Amino acid sequence: MAIARLHGGPLDGQLLPLADPDLDRMIVPYSETQVVYARRGDLTRTGQNDGPTEAEFWFVEAENDIDPDSDQPRERR
C-alpha cells in the first residue's frame, strides 16, 4: 500500500491511500466541487521495513470556486 501526502489547497497536510503508486494526478472530491493535485518527485520509503511508500502531490486547481463556509448550515428562506 502507498499513501499520497497532499500539499497546498484545501486538503493541505492530508494523507490519502494511493492504490496506484505510479499515479501522476489525483482528482479528489471536496465539498461541492473537486480539487486536482499533481505528483512531484519520486516515491519515497520504498524499502520493505521503512513504512508505507509515499508520493507527494501538490495542489493544482479546483473545479469550481471553493466556498470556505460550505461546512456551515445554509439559511433557510
C-alpha atoms as a PDB file:
ATOM      1  CA  MET A   1       0.000   0.000   0.000  1.00  0.00           C
ATOM      2  CA  ALA A   2       1.111   3.542  -0.737  1.00  0.00           C
ATOM      3  CA  ILE A   3      -0.028   6.913   0.569  1.00  0.00           C
ATOM      4  CA  ALA A   4      -0.345  10.323  -1.048  1.00  0.00           C
ATOM      5  CA  ARG A   5       0.827  13.294   1.017  1.00  0.00           C
ATOM      6  CA  LEU A   6      -1.118  16.392  -0.129  1.00  0.00           C
ATOM      7  CA  HIS A   7       0.402  19.893  -0.142  1.00  0.00           C
ATOM      8  CA  GLY A   8      -1.422  23.182  -0.602  1.00  0.00           C
ATOM      9  CA  GLY A   9      -5.063  23.779  -1.372  1.00  0.00           C
ATOM     10  CA  PRO A  10      -7.926  22.860   0.923  1.00  0.00           C
ATOM     11  CA  LEU A  11      -6.542  19.389   1.736  1.00  0.00           C
ATOM     12  CA  ASP A  12      -3.058  20.558   2.762  1.00  0.00           C
ATOM     13  CA  GLY A  13      -1.418  18.082   5.122  1.00  0.00           C
ATOM     14  CA  GLN A  14      -3.839  15.233   4.452  1.00  0.00           C
ATOM     15  CA  LEU A  15      -2.700  11.676   3.795  1.00  0.00           C
ATOM     16  CA  LEU A  16      -4.791   9.565   1.434  1.00  0.00           C
ATOM     17  CA  PRO A  17      -4.429   5.922   0.409  1.00  0.00           C
ATOM     18  CA  LEU A  18      -2.924   5.583  -3.031  1.00  0.00           C
ATOM     19  CA  ALA A  19      -3.992   2.437  -4.871  1.00  0.00           C
ATOM     20  CA  ASP A  20      -1.586   3.053  -7.771  1.00  0.00           C
ATOM     21  CA  PRO A  21       1.853   4.418  -6.754  1.00  0.00           C
ATOM     22  CA  ASP A  22       2.530   5.367 -10.397  1.00  0.00           C
ATOM     23  CA  LEU A  23      -0.402   7.823 -10.480  1.00  0.00           C
ATOM     24  CA  ASP A  24       0.598  11.337 -11.654  1.00  0.00           C
ATOM     25  CA  ARG A  25      -2.633  13.246 -10.858  1.00  0.00           C
ATOM     26  CA  MET A  26      -5.399  12.906  -8.307  1.00  0.00           C
ATOM     27  CA  ILE A  27      -8.899  14.356  -8.564  1.00  0.00           C
ATOM     28  CA  VAL A  28     -10.360  14.431  -5.079  1.00  0.00           C
ATOM     29  CA  PRO A  29     -13.925  15.359  -4.089  1.00  0.00           C
ATOM     30  CA  TYR A  30     -14.089  18.364  -1.786  1.00  0.00           C
ATOM     31  CA  SER A  31     -17.350  19.838  -0.534  1.00  0.00           C
ATOM     32  CA  GLU A  32     -19.463  20.521  -3.627  1.00  0.00           C
ATOM     33  CA  THR A  33     -16.543  20.510  -6.066  1.00  0.00           C
ATOM     34  CA  GLN A  34     -13.381  18.585  -6.907  1.00  0.00           C
ATOM     35  CA  VAL A  35      -9.750  19.521  -6.411  1.00  0.00           C
ATOM     36  CA  VAL A  36      -6.810  18.428  -8.540  1.00  0.00           C
ATOM     37  CA  TYR A  37      -3.382  17.509  -7.183  1.00  0.00           C
ATOM     38  CA  ALA A  38      -0.326  16.630  -9.306  1.00  0.00           C
ATOM     39  CA  ARG A  39       2.543  14.452  -8.200  1.00  0.00           C
ATOM     40  CA  ARG A  40       6.022  15.902  -7.821  1.00  0.00           C
ATOM     41  CA  GLY A  41       9.167  13.937  -7.248  1.00  0.00           C
ATOM     42  CA  ASP A  42       9.935  10.286  -6.854  1.00  0.00           C
ATOM     43  CA  LEU A  43       8.395   7.788  -4.478  1.00  0.00           C
ATOM     44  CA  THR A  44       9.924   7.706  -1.003  1.00  0.00           C
ATOM     45  CA  ARG A  45      10.040   4.963   1.628  1.00  0.00           C
ATOM     46  CA  THR A  46      10.177   2.244  -0.976  1.00  0.00           C
ATOM     47  CA  GLY A  47      12.028  -0.260   1.232  1.00  0.00           C
ATOM     48  CA  GLN A  48      10.402  -3.224   2.933  1.00  0.00           C
ATOM     49  CA  ASN A  49      10.936  -2.007   6.508  1.00  0.00           C
ATOM     50  CA  ASP A  50      10.597   1.793   6.327  1.00  0.00           C
ATOM     51  CA  GLY A  51       6.815   2.219   6.364  1.00  0.00           C
ATOM     52  CA  PRO A  52       4.335   2.725   3.537  1.00  0.00           C
ATOM     53  CA  THR A  53       5.544   4.069   0.209  1.00  0.00           C
ATOM     54  CA  GLU A  54       4.825   7.809  -0.105  1.00  0.00           C
ATOM     55  CA  ALA A  55       4.203  10.123  -3.041  1.00  0.00           C
ATOM     56  CA  GLU A  56       3.924  13.902  -2.712  1.00  0.00           C
ATOM     57  CA  PHE A  57       1.060  15.628  -4.513  1.00  0.00           C
ATOM     58  CA  TRP A  58       0.718  19.408  -4.860  1.00  0.00           C
ATOM     59  CA  PHE A  59      -2.465  21.421  -5.377  1.00  0.00           C
ATOM     60  CA  VAL A  60      -3.124  22.462  -8.997  1.00  0.00           C
ATOM     61  CA  GLU A  61      -6.701  23.730  -9.177  1.00  0.00           C
ATOM     62  CA  ALA A  62     -10.289  23.393  -8.038  1.00  0.00           C
ATOM     63  CA  GLU A  63     -13.077  22.612 -10.478  1.00  0.00           C
ATOM     64  CA  ASN A  64     -15.219  25.427  -9.003  1.00  0.00           C
ATOM     65  CA  ASP A  65     -14.621  28.204  -6.514  1.00  0.00           C
ATOM     66  CA  ILE A  66     -14.090  26.838  -3.035  1.00  0.00           C
ATOM     67  CA  ASP A  67     -16.572  28.203  -0.507  1.00  0.00           C
ATOM     68  CA  PRO A  68     -14.875  28.372   2.916  1.00  0.00           C
ATOM     69  CA  ASP A  69     -18.277  28.498   4.614  1.00  0.00           C
ATOM     70  CA  SER A  70     -19.637  25.402   2.889  1.00  0.00           C
ATOM     71  CA  ASP A  71     -19.427  23.425   6.138  1.00  0.00           C
ATOM     72  CA  GLN A  72     -21.878  25.822   7.792  1.00  0.00           C
ATOM     73  CA  PRO A  73     -25.639  25.236   7.592  1.00  0.00           C
ATOM     74  CA  ARG A  74     -27.241  27.443   4.991  1.00  0.00           C
ATOM     75  CA  GLU A  75     -30.020  29.825   5.932  1.00  0.00           C
ATOM     76  CA  ARG A  76     -33.462  28.557   5.017  1.00  0.00           C
ATOM     77  CA  ARG A  77     -35.839  31.014   3.482  1.00  0.00           C
END
